[in-house]
PDB file of N, CA and C in Angstrom:
ATOM      1  N   MET A   1      -6.433   2.852  -8.184  1.00  0.00           N
ATOM      2  CA  MET A   1      -5.230   3.378  -7.166  1.00  0.00           C
ATOM      3  C   MET A   1      -5.516   4.545  -6.796  1.00  0.00           C
ATOM      4  N   SER A   2      -4.384   4.643  -5.703  1.00  0.00           N
ATOM      5  CA  SER A   2      -4.668   6.044  -4.856  1.00  0.00           C
ATOM      6  C   SER A   2      -3.326   6.247  -4.822  1.00  0.00           C
ATOM      7  N   VAL A   3      -3.121   7.842  -4.673  1.00  0.00           N
ATOM      8  CA  VAL A   3      -1.686   8.358  -4.405  1.00  0.00           C
ATOM      9  C   VAL A   3      -2.093   9.385  -2.951  1.00  0.00           C
ATOM     10  N   THR A   4      -0.903   9.241  -2.443  1.00  0.00           N
ATOM     11  CA  THR A   4      -0.488  10.297  -1.315  1.00  0.00           C
ATOM     12  C   THR A   4       1.216  10.340  -1.212  1.00  0.00           C
ATOM     13  N   LYS A   5       1.152  11.727  -2.081  1.00  0.00           N
ATOM     14  CA  LYS A   5       2.266  12.379  -1.835  1.00  0.00           C
ATOM     15  C   LYS A   5       2.913  12.777  -0.703  1.00  0.00           C
ATOM     16  N   PHE A   6       4.259  12.694  -0.429  1.00  0.00           N
ATOM     17  CA  PHE A   6       4.845  13.609   0.498  1.00  0.00           C
ATOM     18  C   PHE A   6       5.453  14.272   0.433  1.00  0.00           C
ATOM     19  N   THR A   7       5.113  15.300   1.544  1.00  0.00           N
ATOM     20  CA  THR A   7       5.549  16.807   1.205  1.00  0.00           C
ATOM     21  C   THR A   7       7.343  17.161   0.910  1.00  0.00           C
ATOM     22  N   ARG A   8       7.901  18.021   0.605  1.00  0.00           N
ATOM     23  CA  ARG A   8       9.094  18.019   0.162  1.00  0.00           C
ATOM     24  C   ARG A   8       9.853  17.498   1.091  1.00  0.00           C
ATOM     25  N   LYS A   9       9.568  18.142   2.532  1.00  0.00           N
ATOM     26  CA  LYS A   9      10.750  18.137   3.389  1.00  0.00           C
ATOM     27  C   LYS A   9      10.453  16.308   4.053  1.00  0.00           C
ATOM     28  N   GLN A  10       9.253  15.757   3.644  1.00  0.00           N
ATOM     29  CA  GLN A  10       9.011  14.121   4.189  1.00  0.00           C
ATOM     30  C   GLN A  10       9.845  13.613   3.632  1.00  0.00           C
ATOM     31  N   VAL A  11      10.000  13.862   1.784  1.00  0.00           N
ATOM     32  CA  VAL A  11      10.730  12.953   1.442  1.00  0.00           C
ATOM     33  C   VAL A  11      12.385  13.092   1.213  1.00  0.00           C
ATOM     34  N   GLU A  12      12.156  14.176   1.755  1.00  0.00           N
ATOM     35  CA  GLU A  12      13.812  14.221   2.091  1.00  0.00           C
ATOM     36  C   GLU A  12      14.506  13.305   3.452  1.00  0.00           C
ATOM     37  N   ASP A  13      13.740  13.553   4.091  1.00  0.00           N
ATOM     38  CA  ASP A  13      13.801  12.984   5.513  1.00  0.00           C
ATOM     39  C   ASP A  13      13.508  11.201   5.196  1.00  0.00           C
ATOM     40  N   SER A  14      12.735  10.820   4.273  1.00  0.00           N
ATOM     41  CA  SER A  14      12.209   9.288   4.405  1.00  0.00           C
ATOM     42  C   SER A  14      13.677   8.621   3.196  1.00  0.00           C
ATOM     43  N   LYS A  15      14.331   9.270   2.208  1.00  0.00           N
ATOM     44  CA  LYS A  15      15.184   8.459   1.544  1.00  0.00           C
ATOM     45  C   LYS A  15      16.205   7.805   2.353  1.00  0.00           C
ATOM     46  N   GLY A  16      16.297   8.432   3.657  1.00  0.00           N
ATOM     47  CA  GLY A  16      17.235   7.867   4.330  1.00  0.00           C
ATOM     48  C   GLY A  16      16.976   6.507   5.341  1.00  0.00           C
ATOM     49  N   PHE A  17      15.349   6.166   5.214  1.00  0.00           N
ATOM     50  CA  PHE A  17      15.019   5.324   6.228  1.00  0.00           C
ATOM     51  C   PHE A  17      15.091   4.073   6.121  1.00  0.00           C
ATOM     52  N   ASN A  18      15.277   3.536   7.105  1.00  0.00           N
ATOM     53  CA  ASN A  18      15.494   1.889   7.222  1.00  0.00           C
ATOM     54  C   ASN A  18      14.223   1.142   7.050  1.00  0.00           C
ATOM     55  N   ASP A  19      14.070  -0.096   6.994  1.00  0.00           N
ATOM     56  CA  ASP A  19      12.890  -1.254   6.805  1.00  0.00           C
ATOM     57  C   ASP A  19      12.180  -0.837   8.133  1.00  0.00           C
ATOM     58  N   ALA A  20      12.828  -0.992   9.299  1.00  0.00           N
ATOM     59  CA  ALA A  20      11.674  -0.329  10.315  1.00  0.00           C
ATOM     60  C   ALA A  20      11.402   1.058  10.555  1.00  0.00           C
ATOM     61  N   GLN A  21      11.798   1.955  10.245  1.00  0.00           N
ATOM     62  CA  GLN A  21      10.959   3.117   9.879  1.00  0.00           C
ATOM     63  C   GLN A  21      10.001   2.976   8.674  1.00  0.00           C
ATOM     64  N   LYS A  22      10.162   2.482   7.561  1.00  0.00           N
ATOM     65  CA  LYS A  22       9.472   1.962   6.827  1.00  0.00           C
ATOM     66  C   LYS A  22       8.422   1.095   7.171  1.00  0.00           C
ATOM     67  N   ARG A  23       8.100   0.598   7.838  1.00  0.00           N
ATOM     68  CA  ARG A  23       7.181  -0.376   8.553  1.00  0.00           C
ATOM     69  C   ARG A  23       6.689   0.585   9.705  1.00  0.00           C
ATOM     70  N   LYS A  24       6.853   1.162  10.265  1.00  0.00           N
ATOM     71  CA  LYS A  24       6.198   2.214  11.064  1.00  0.00           C
ATOM     72  C   LYS A  24       5.632   3.383  10.459  1.00  0.00           C
ATOM     73  N   VAL A  25       5.937   3.926   9.241  1.00  0.00           N
ATOM     74  CA  VAL A  25       4.992   4.590   8.715  1.00  0.00           C
ATOM     75  C   VAL A  25       3.933   3.865   7.768  1.00  0.00           C
ATOM     76  N   LEU A  26       3.890   2.515   7.646  1.00  0.00           N
ATOM     77  CA  LEU A  26       3.177   1.617   6.934  1.00  0.00           C
ATOM     78  C   LEU A  26       1.850   1.113   7.957  1.00  0.00           C
ATOM     79  N   THR A  27       2.724   0.769   9.231  1.00  0.00           N
ATOM     80  CA  THR A  27       1.874   0.638  10.954  1.00  0.00           C
ATOM     81  C   THR A  27       0.845   1.530  10.880  1.00  0.00           C
ATOM     82  N   ASN A  28       1.579   3.097  11.077  1.00  0.00           N
ATOM     83  CA  ASN A  28       0.748   4.267  11.234  1.00  0.00           C
ATOM     84  C   ASN A  28      -0.567   4.387  10.663  1.00  0.00           C
ATOM     85  N   VAL A  29      -0.106   4.830   9.018  1.00  0.00           N
ATOM     86  CA  VAL A  29      -1.385   3.864   7.713  1.00  0.00           C
ATOM     87  C   VAL A  29      -2.474   3.202   8.287  1.00  0.00           C
ATOM     88  N   ALA A  30      -1.834   1.820   8.431  1.00  0.00           N
ATOM     89  CA  ALA A  30      -2.545   0.736   9.064  1.00  0.00           C
ATOM     90  C   ALA A  30      -3.916   1.090  10.237  1.00  0.00           C
ATOM     91  N   ARG A  31      -3.068   1.674  11.127  1.00  0.00           N
ATOM     92  CA  ARG A  31      -3.822   2.304  12.541  1.00  0.00           C
ATOM     93  C   ARG A  31      -4.741   3.640  11.944  1.00  0.00           C
ATOM     94  N   LEU A  32      -4.035   4.236  11.374  1.00  0.00           N
ATOM     95  CA  LEU A  32      -5.245   5.654  10.735  1.00  0.00           C
ATOM     96  C   LEU A  32      -6.451   5.026   9.650  1.00  0.00           C
ATOM     97  N   LEU A  33      -6.722   4.266   8.968  1.00  0.00           N
ATOM     98  CA  LEU A  33      -7.689   3.392   8.552  1.00  0.00           C
ATOM     99  C   LEU A  33      -8.599   2.527   9.125  1.00  0.00           C
ATOM    100  N   GLN A  34      -7.794   2.184  10.337  1.00  0.00           N
ATOM    101  CA  GLN A  34      -8.546   1.618  11.292  1.00  0.00           C
ATOM    102  C   GLN A  34      -8.664  -0.164  10.705  1.00  0.00           C
ATOM    103  N   ILE A  35      -7.650  -0.514  10.526  1.00  0.00           N
ATOM    104  CA  ILE A  35      -6.926  -1.834   9.631  1.00  0.00           C
ATOM    105  C   ILE A  35      -6.392  -2.414  11.053  1.00  0.00           C
ATOM    106  N   ASP A  36      -7.315  -3.726  11.944  1.00  0.00           N
ATOM    107  CA  ASP A  36      -6.436  -4.446  12.454  1.00  0.00           C
ATOM    108  C   ASP A  36      -5.531  -5.484  11.904  1.00  0.00           C
ATOM    109  N   LYS A  37      -5.954  -5.909  11.022  1.00  0.00           N
ATOM    110  CA  LYS A  37      -5.394  -7.351   9.973  1.00  0.00           C
ATOM    111  C   LYS A  37      -4.702  -6.958   9.172  1.00  0.00           C
ATOM    112  N   TYR A  38      -3.313  -7.202   8.956  1.00  0.00           N
ATOM    113  CA  TYR A  38      -2.461  -6.626   7.800  1.00  0.00           C
ATOM    114  C   TYR A  38      -1.421  -7.426   7.583  1.00  0.00           C
ATOM    115  N   SER A  39      -0.890  -7.351   6.594  1.00  0.00           N
ATOM    116  CA  SER A  39       0.281  -8.521   6.694  1.00  0.00           C
ATOM    117  C   SER A  39       1.224  -7.395   5.830  1.00  0.00           C
ATOM    118  N   PHE A  40       2.967  -7.526   6.059  1.00  0.00           N
ATOM    119  CA  PHE A  40       3.924  -7.031   5.371  1.00  0.00           C
ATOM    120  C   PHE A  40       4.303  -7.789   4.234  1.00  0.00           C
ATOM    121  N   THR A  41       4.116  -6.842   2.955  1.00  0.00           N
ATOM    122  CA  THR A  41       4.949  -7.679   1.580  1.00  0.00           C
ATOM    123  C   THR A  41       5.526  -6.619   0.952  1.00  0.00           C
ATOM    124  N   THR A  42       5.771  -7.058  -0.287  1.00  0.00           N
ATOM    125  CA  THR A  42       6.566  -6.085  -1.149  1.00  0.00           C
ATOM    126  C   THR A  42       6.072  -6.099  -2.707  1.00  0.00           C
ATOM    127  N   VAL A  43       5.700  -5.023  -3.027  1.00  0.00           N
ATOM    128  CA  VAL A  43       5.050  -4.969  -4.130  1.00  0.00           C
ATOM    129  C   VAL A  43       6.136  -4.454  -4.945  1.00  0.00           C
ATOM    130  N   ASP A  44       6.341  -4.697  -6.430  1.00  0.00           N
ATOM    131  CA  ASP A  44       7.978  -3.906  -6.875  1.00  0.00           C
ATOM    132  C   ASP A  44       8.823  -3.765  -6.131  1.00  0.00           C
ATOM    133  N   GLY A  45       9.175  -4.515  -5.400  1.00  0.00           N
ATOM    134  CA  GLY A  45      10.301  -3.979  -4.605  1.00  0.00           C
ATOM    135  C   GLY A  45      10.422  -3.179  -3.776  1.00  0.00           C
ATOM    136  N   HIS A  46       8.962  -3.127  -3.288  1.00  0.00           N
ATOM    137  CA  HIS A  46       8.667  -2.042  -2.504  1.00  0.00           C
ATOM    138  C   HIS A  46       7.884  -2.303  -1.020  1.00  0.00           C
ATOM    139  N   MET A  47       8.095  -2.000   0.231  1.00  0.00           N
ATOM    140  CA  MET A  47       8.224  -2.774   1.260  1.00  0.00           C
ATOM    141  C   MET A  47       6.315  -2.281   1.182  1.00  0.00           C
ATOM    142  N   ALA A  48       5.218  -3.146   1.516  1.00  0.00           N
ATOM    143  CA  ALA A  48       3.753  -2.436   1.258  1.00  0.00           C
ATOM    144  C   ALA A  48       3.170  -3.002   2.517  1.00  0.00           C
ATOM    145  N   ILE A  49       1.786  -3.134   2.830  1.00  0.00           N
ATOM    146  CA  ILE A  49       0.650  -4.255   3.976  1.00  0.00           C
ATOM    147  C   ILE A  49       0.086  -4.045   2.712  1.00  0.00           C
ATOM    148  N   SER A  50      -0.509  -5.593   3.195  1.00  0.00           N
ATOM    149  CA  SER A  50      -2.019  -5.704   2.248  1.00  0.00           C
ATOM    150  C   SER A  50      -2.573  -6.440   3.404  1.00  0.00           C
ATOM    151  N   TYR A  51      -4.372  -6.163   3.029  1.00  0.00           N
ATOM    152  CA  TYR A  51      -5.189  -6.557   3.972  1.00  0.00           C
ATOM    153  C   TYR A  51      -6.490  -6.457   2.755  1.00  0.00           C
ATOM    154  N   THR A  52      -7.378  -7.714   4.042  1.00  0.00           N
ATOM    155  CA  THR A  52      -8.764  -7.268   2.983  1.00  0.00           C
ATOM    156  C   THR A  52      -9.983  -6.660   3.704  1.00  0.00           C
ATOM    157  N   GLY A  53     -11.110  -6.813   3.006  1.00  0.00           N
ATOM    158  CA  GLY A  53     -12.201  -5.956   4.035  1.00  0.00           C
ATOM    159  C   GLY A  53     -13.197  -6.488   2.999  1.00  0.00           C
ATOM    160  N   HIS A  54     -14.499  -6.162   4.163  1.00  0.00           N
ATOM    161  CA  HIS A  54     -15.777  -6.635   3.323  1.00  0.00           C
ATOM    162  C   HIS A  54     -16.627  -5.235   2.836  1.00  0.00           C
ATOM    163  N   ASP A  55     -16.721  -5.436   1.333  1.00  0.00           N
ATOM    164  CA  ASP A  55     -17.857  -4.003   1.283  1.00  0.00           C
ATOM    165  C   ASP A  55     -19.314  -4.010   1.381  1.00  0.00           C
ATOM    166  N   SER A  56     -19.840  -4.901   2.034  1.00  0.00           N
ATOM    167  CA  SER A  56     -20.957  -5.480   2.331  1.00  0.00           C
ATOM    168  C   SER A  56     -21.629  -6.008   3.497  1.00  0.00           C
ATOM    169  N   GLU A  57     -22.949  -5.643   4.028  1.00  0.00           N
ATOM    170  CA  GLU A  57     -23.274  -6.194   4.959  1.00  0.00           C
ATOM    171  C   GLU A  57     -22.802  -7.981   5.039  1.00  0.00           C
ATOM    172  N   ASP A  58     -23.564  -8.682   3.834  1.00  0.00           N
ATOM    173  CA  ASP A  58     -23.275 -10.229   3.799  1.00  0.00           C
ATOM    174  C   ASP A  58     -21.813 -10.671   3.467  1.00  0.00           C
ATOM    175  N   SER A  59     -20.694  -9.958   3.201  1.00  0.00           N
ATOM    176  CA  SER A  59     -19.566 -10.269   3.070  1.00  0.00           C
ATOM    177  C   SER A  59     -19.425 -10.504   1.070  1.00  0.00           C
ATOM    178  N   SER A  60     -20.476 -10.309   0.663  1.00  0.00           N
ATOM    179  CA  SER A  60     -19.949 -10.762  -0.315  1.00  0.00           C
ATOM    180  C   SER A  60     -19.304  -9.962  -1.325  1.00  0.00           C
ATOM    181  N   VAL A  61     -18.595  -8.635  -1.453  1.00  0.00           N
ATOM    182  CA  VAL A  61     -18.027  -8.101  -2.457  1.00  0.00           C
ATOM    183  C   VAL A  61     -16.952  -7.852  -1.579  1.00  0.00           C
ATOM    184  N   ILE A  62     -15.287  -8.898  -1.649  1.00  0.00           N
ATOM    185  CA  ILE A  62     -14.018  -8.277  -0.962  1.00  0.00           C
ATOM    186  C   ILE A  62     -13.635  -7.716  -1.509  1.00  0.00           C
ATOM    187  N   MET A  63     -12.974  -6.324  -0.936  1.00  0.00           N
ATOM    188  CA  MET A  63     -12.292  -5.364  -0.952  1.00  0.00           C
ATOM    189  C   MET A  63     -10.728  -6.016  -0.785  1.00  0.00           C
ATOM    190  N   ARG A  64      -9.994  -5.763  -1.556  1.00  0.00           N
ATOM    191  CA  ARG A  64      -8.432  -5.870  -1.208  1.00  0.00           C
ATOM    192  C   ARG A  64      -7.322  -5.051  -1.692  1.00  0.00           C
ATOM    193  N   ARG A  65      -6.531  -4.755  -0.874  1.00  0.00           N
ATOM    194  CA  ARG A  65      -5.652  -3.614  -1.280  1.00  0.00           C
ATOM    195  C   ARG A  65      -4.292  -3.807  -0.546  1.00  0.00           C
ATOM    196  N   GLU A  66      -3.814  -3.121  -1.123  1.00  0.00           N
ATOM    197  CA  GLU A  66      -2.253  -2.728  -0.681  1.00  0.00           C
ATOM    198  C   GLU A  66      -1.793  -1.371  -0.551  1.00  0.00           C
ATOM    199  N   VAL A  67      -0.991  -1.072   0.626  1.00  0.00           N
ATOM    200  CA  VAL A  67      -0.426   0.431   0.280  1.00  0.00           C
ATOM    201  C   VAL A  67       0.735   0.157   0.431  1.00  0.00           C
ATOM    202  N   VAL A  68       1.505   0.881  -0.787  1.00  0.00           N
ATOM    203  CA  VAL A  68       2.868   0.737  -1.106  1.00  0.00           C
ATOM    204  C   VAL A  68       3.879   1.942  -0.845  1.00  0.00           C
ATOM    205  N   TYR A  69       4.557   1.804   0.265  1.00  0.00           N
ATOM    206  CA  TYR A  69       5.946   2.583   0.595  1.00  0.00           C
ATOM    207  C   TYR A  69       6.560   3.613  -0.794  1.00  0.00           C
ATOM    208  N   SER A  70       7.131   3.999  -0.909  1.00  0.00           N
ATOM    209  CA  SER A  70       8.213   4.707  -1.737  1.00  0.00           C
ATOM    210  C   SER A  70       8.401   6.456  -0.911  1.00  0.00           C
ATOM    211  N   SER A  71       9.627   6.286  -1.408  1.00  0.00           N
ATOM    212  CA  SER A  71      10.275   7.692  -0.664  1.00  0.00           C
ATOM    213  C   SER A  71       9.437   9.136  -0.999  1.00  0.00           C
ATOM    214  N   ALA A  72       8.592   8.854  -1.982  1.00  0.00           N
ATOM    215  CA  ALA A  72       7.219  10.023  -2.748  1.00  0.00           C
ATOM    216  C   ALA A  72       6.423  10.029  -2.164  1.00  0.00           C
ATOM    217  N   GLY A  73       5.687   8.767  -1.346  1.00  0.00           N
ATOM    218  CA  GLY A  73       4.502   8.932  -1.061  1.00  0.00           C
ATOM    219  C   GLY A  73       4.571   7.328  -0.766  1.00  0.00           C
ATOM    220  N   LEU A  74       2.960   6.922  -0.775  1.00  0.00           N
ATOM    221  CA  LEU A  74       1.953   6.005  -0.845  1.00  0.00           C
ATOM    222  C   LEU A  74       1.108   5.890  -1.640  1.00  0.00           C
ATOM    223  N   TYR A  75       1.287   4.743  -1.961  1.00  0.00           N
ATOM    224  CA  TYR A  75       0.065   4.336  -3.529  1.00  0.00           C
ATOM    225  C   TYR A  75      -0.689   3.209  -2.858  1.00  0.00           C
ATOM    226  N   GLY A  76      -1.915   3.665  -3.087  1.00  0.00           N
ATOM    227  CA  GLY A  76      -3.196   2.281  -2.896  1.00  0.00           C
ATOM    228  C   GLY A  76      -3.349   1.440  -4.173  1.00  0.00           C
ATOM    229  N   LEU A  77      -3.454   0.729  -3.528  1.00  0.00           N
ATOM    230  CA  LEU A  77      -3.767  -0.879  -5.245  1.00  0.00           C
ATOM    231  C   LEU A  77      -4.718  -0.846  -4.438  1.00  0.00           C
ATOM    232  N   GLU A  78      -6.220  -0.740  -5.238  1.00  0.00           N
ATOM    233  CA  GLU A  78      -7.448  -1.669  -4.575  1.00  0.00           C
ATOM    234  C   GLU A  78      -8.442  -2.431  -5.318  1.00  0.00           C
ATOM    235  N   SER A  79      -9.082  -3.175  -4.892  1.00  0.00           N
ATOM    236  CA  SER A  79      -9.608  -3.798  -5.680  1.00  0.00           C
ATOM    237  C   SER A  79     -11.159  -4.176  -5.338  1.00  0.00           C
ATOM    238  N   PHE A  80     -12.266  -4.546  -6.001  1.00  0.00           N
ATOM    239  CA  PHE A  80     -13.915  -4.752  -5.245  1.00  0.00           C
ATOM    240  C   PHE A  80     -13.997  -5.888  -5.806  1.00  0.00           C
ATOM    241  N   GLY A  81     -14.950  -6.965  -5.464  1.00  0.00           N
ATOM    242  CA  GLY A  81     -15.432  -7.800  -6.161  1.00  0.00           C
ATOM    243  C   GLY A  81     -14.863  -8.680  -7.177  1.00  0.00           C
ATOM    244  N   THR A  82     -13.389  -9.016  -7.443  1.00  0.00           N
ATOM    245  CA  THR A  82     -12.261  -9.725  -7.852  1.00  0.00           C
ATOM    246  C   THR A  82     -11.635 -10.692  -7.097  1.00  0.00           C
ATOM    247  N   SER A  83     -11.403 -11.860  -8.362  1.00  0.00           N
ATOM    248  CA  SER A  83     -10.760 -13.079  -7.255  1.00  0.00           C
ATOM    249  C   SER A  83      -9.367 -12.526  -6.495  1.00  0.00           C
ATOM    250  N   SER A  84      -8.990 -13.264  -6.097  1.00  0.00           N
ATOM    251  CA  SER A  84      -7.830 -13.270  -5.690  1.00  0.00           C
ATOM    252  C   SER A  84      -6.466 -13.513  -6.893  1.00  0.00           C
ATOM    253  N   SER A  85      -7.022 -14.400  -7.749  1.00  0.00           N
ATOM    254  CA  SER A  85      -6.005 -14.384  -8.897  1.00  0.00           C
ATOM    255  C   SER A  85      -6.035 -13.250  -9.714  1.00  0.00           C
ATOM    256  N   GLU A  86      -7.487 -12.509  -9.925  1.00  0.00           N
ATOM    257  CA  GLU A  86      -7.203 -11.549 -10.896  1.00  0.00           C
ATOM    258  C   GLU A  86      -6.465 -10.029  -9.761  1.00  0.00           C
ATOM    259  N   TYR A  87      -6.757 -10.101  -8.749  1.00  0.00           N
ATOM    260  CA  TYR A  87      -5.908  -9.254  -7.725  1.00  0.00           C
ATOM    261  C   TYR A  87      -4.933  -9.238  -7.799  1.00  0.00           C
ATOM    262  N   LYS A  88      -4.327 -10.438  -7.714  1.00  0.00           N
ATOM    263  CA  LYS A  88      -2.635 -10.893  -7.704  1.00  0.00           C
ATOM    264  C   LYS A  88      -2.091 -10.536  -8.966  1.00  0.00           C
ATOM    265  N   GLN A  89      -2.512 -10.448 -10.530  1.00  0.00           N
ATOM    266  CA  GLN A  89      -2.339 -10.335 -11.759  1.00  0.00           C
ATOM    267  C   GLN A  89      -2.031  -8.442 -11.712  1.00  0.00           C
ATOM    268  N   PHE A  90      -3.020  -7.626 -11.427  1.00  0.00           N
ATOM    269  CA  PHE A  90      -3.485  -6.361 -11.373  1.00  0.00           C
ATOM    270  C   PHE A  90      -2.201  -6.008 -10.222  1.00  0.00           C
ATOM    271  N   VAL A  91      -1.844  -6.530  -9.329  1.00  0.00           N
ATOM    272  CA  VAL A  91      -0.749  -6.271  -8.117  1.00  0.00           C
ATOM    273  C   VAL A  91       0.759  -6.328  -9.266  1.00  0.00           C
ATOM    274  N   ASP A  92       0.379  -7.011  -9.653  1.00  0.00           N
ATOM    275  CA  ASP A  92       1.599  -8.227 -10.222  1.00  0.00           C
ATOM    276  C   ASP A  92       2.329  -7.061 -11.614  1.00  0.00           C
ATOM    277  N   THR A  93       1.386  -5.835 -12.039  1.00  0.00           N
ATOM    278  CA  THR A  93       2.022  -4.868 -13.185  1.00  0.00           C
ATOM    279  C   THR A  93       2.249  -3.748 -12.237  1.00  0.00           C
ATOM    280  N   PHE A  94       2.185  -3.516 -11.263  1.00  0.00           N
ATOM    281  CA  PHE A  94       2.230  -1.984 -10.612  1.00  0.00           C
ATOM    282  C   PHE A  94       3.781  -1.661 -10.637  1.00  0.00           C
ATOM    283  N   ARG A  95       4.314  -0.945 -10.937  1.00  0.00           N
ATOM    284  CA  ARG A  95       5.557  -0.637 -11.643  1.00  0.00           C
ATOM    285  C   ARG A  95       5.737   0.588 -11.024  1.00  0.00           C
ATOM    286  N   LEU A  96       6.619   0.999 -10.176  1.00  0.00           N
ATOM    287  CA  LEU A  96       6.948   3.040  -9.687  1.00  0.00           C
ATOM    288  C   LEU A  96       8.633   3.189 -10.814  1.00  0.00           C
ATOM    289  N   SER A  97       7.646   4.443 -11.519  1.00  0.00           N
ATOM    290  CA  SER A  97       8.819   5.012 -12.567  1.00  0.00           C
ATOM    291  C   SER A  97      10.015   5.376 -11.747  1.00  0.00           C
ATOM    292  N   GLU A  98      11.076   5.934 -11.864  1.00  0.00           N
ATOM    293  CA  GLU A  98      12.074   6.390 -11.646  1.00  0.00           C
ATOM    294  C   GLU A  98      11.551   7.844 -10.886  1.00  0.00           C
ATOM    295  N   ASP A  99      10.832   8.324 -11.544  1.00  0.00           N
ATOM    296  CA  ASP A  99      10.502  10.054 -11.285  1.00  0.00           C
ATOM    297  C   ASP A  99       9.384   9.935  -9.766  1.00  0.00           C
ATOM    298  N   THR A 100       8.739   8.850 -10.039  1.00  0.00           N
ATOM    299  CA  THR A 100       7.596   8.224  -8.674  1.00  0.00           C
ATOM    300  C   THR A 100       8.473   8.217  -7.352  1.00  0.00           C
ATOM    301  N   GLN A 101       9.659   8.025  -7.657  1.00  0.00           N
ATOM    302  CA  GLN A 101      10.271   7.426  -6.028  1.00  0.00           C
ATOM    303  C   GLN A 101      11.043   8.422  -5.702  1.00  0.00           C
ATOM    304  N   GLU A 102      11.260   9.648  -5.983  1.00  0.00           N
ATOM    305  CA  GLU A 102      11.823  10.663  -5.264  1.00  0.00           C
ATOM    306  C   GLU A 102      11.081  11.640  -5.137  1.00  0.00           C
TER     307      GLU A 102
END
């Protein structure tokens, strides 16, 4: 798991974001990470992007990742070499507490 905290000003600005503005933030993250294929989803009721990649030349190790948007920052949930069902179980346990949403 990774966390990218927003600055105080970004937190204040992002509290009023609509879905299009949240999608723009997540699209910019995908562009920054040079991710071409991703989909929008939700994790714990928060907008997120989901994508997969390969960690080896022969594609034997799959990396799965969600980047979750909150007004406090971005949360990356990632897994290497797990099955899709194991990864789904992991993602389904993710919860943002009240103090991490502001």
